[in-house]
Amino acid sequence: MPGDPLSYLTDPGADIPSRMTEEKMELLLAYYGLDKPLSEQYINYMVGIIRGDLGWSISSIVAYPHPP
């Protein structure tokens, strides 16, 4: 898939119109580290794996309070 994931989700030709502004896109890219070069993203990913940071666990998602 060419491009970044956010561009894929906010495609102007998509059936669902996007309310994502350029500023919000840049903030999300920075939050997820997608604004960094691919080599740096890979290194950060591998460091996370070595540290045992594998993302959200199912138990923390289930324990997260949901609105009634």
Protein backbone atom coordinates (compact mmCIF):
# COMPACT_ATOMS: atom_id res chain seq x y z
CA MET A 1 0.00 0.00 0.00
CA PRO A 2 1.73 3.20 -1.11
CA GLY A 3 1.55 6.25 1.13
CA ASP A 4 0.85 6.39 4.83
CA PRO A 5 -2.09 4.74 6.63
CA LEU A 6 -3.83 8.03 7.40
CA SER A 7 -3.86 9.03 3.75
CA TYR A 8 -5.48 5.71 2.96
CA LEU A 9 -8.19 6.26 5.58
CA THR A 10 -8.87 9.87 4.57
CA ASP A 11 -8.87 9.45 0.80
CA PRO A 12 -10.87 12.29 -0.79
CA GLY A 13 -12.26 9.81 -3.34
CA ALA A 14 -13.66 7.56 -0.61
CA ASP A 15 -17.39 7.01 -0.13
CA ILE A 16 -17.29 8.52 3.36
CA PRO A 17 -16.26 12.20 3.46
CA SER A 18 -13.35 12.96 5.78
CA ARG A 19 -13.45 15.67 8.42
CA MET A 20 -9.71 15.32 9.00
CA THR A 21 -7.83 18.60 8.59
CA GLU A 22 -4.17 18.79 7.60
CA GLU A 23 -3.30 19.91 11.13
CA LYS A 24 -5.02 16.88 12.67
CA MET A 25 -3.30 14.60 10.16
CA GLU A 26 0.11 16.00 11.13
CA LEU A 27 -0.67 15.56 14.84
CA LEU A 28 -1.71 11.93 14.34
CA LEU A 29 1.34 11.20 12.19
CA ALA A 30 3.57 12.63 14.93
CA TYR A 31 1.69 10.74 17.68
CA TYR A 32 2.17 7.39 15.97
CA GLY A 33 5.71 8.23 14.82
CA LEU A 34 4.77 7.97 11.15
CA ASP A 35 6.39 11.33 10.42
CA LYS A 36 9.83 9.80 11.04
CA PRO A 37 11.95 7.99 8.43
CA LEU A 38 11.20 4.30 7.94
CA SER A 39 14.56 3.27 9.42
CA GLU A 40 13.82 5.20 12.62
CA GLN A 41 10.32 3.70 12.82
CA TYR A 42 11.83 0.22 12.51
CA ILE A 43 14.43 0.89 15.21
CA ASN A 44 11.75 2.24 17.57
CA TYR A 45 9.62 -0.84 16.86
CA MET A 46 12.49 -3.23 17.58
CA VAL A 47 13.43 -1.38 20.79
CA GLY A 48 9.80 -1.69 21.91
CA ILE A 49 9.85 -5.44 21.19
CA ILE A 50 13.09 -5.88 23.16
CA ARG A 51 11.61 -3.96 26.10
CA GLY A 52 8.48 -6.11 25.98
CA ASP A 53 6.22 -3.27 24.84
CA LEU A 54 3.84 -5.16 22.57
CA GLY A 55 1.03 -2.61 22.64
CA TRP A 56 -2.33 -2.77 24.38
CA SER A 57 -3.19 -5.97 26.21
CA ILE A 58 -6.66 -7.46 25.96
CA SER A 59 -7.12 -7.24 29.74
CA SER A 60 -6.46 -3.49 29.79
CA ILE A 61 -8.90 -2.94 26.92
CA VAL A 62 -11.59 -4.99 28.69
CA ALA A 63 -10.90 -3.25 32.02
CA TYR A 64 -11.14 0.21 30.43
CA PRO A 65 -14.35 1.84 31.67
CA HIS A 66 -17.02 2.08 29.01
CA PRO A 67 -19.92 4.51 29.11
CA PRO A 68 -23.23 2.98 30.26
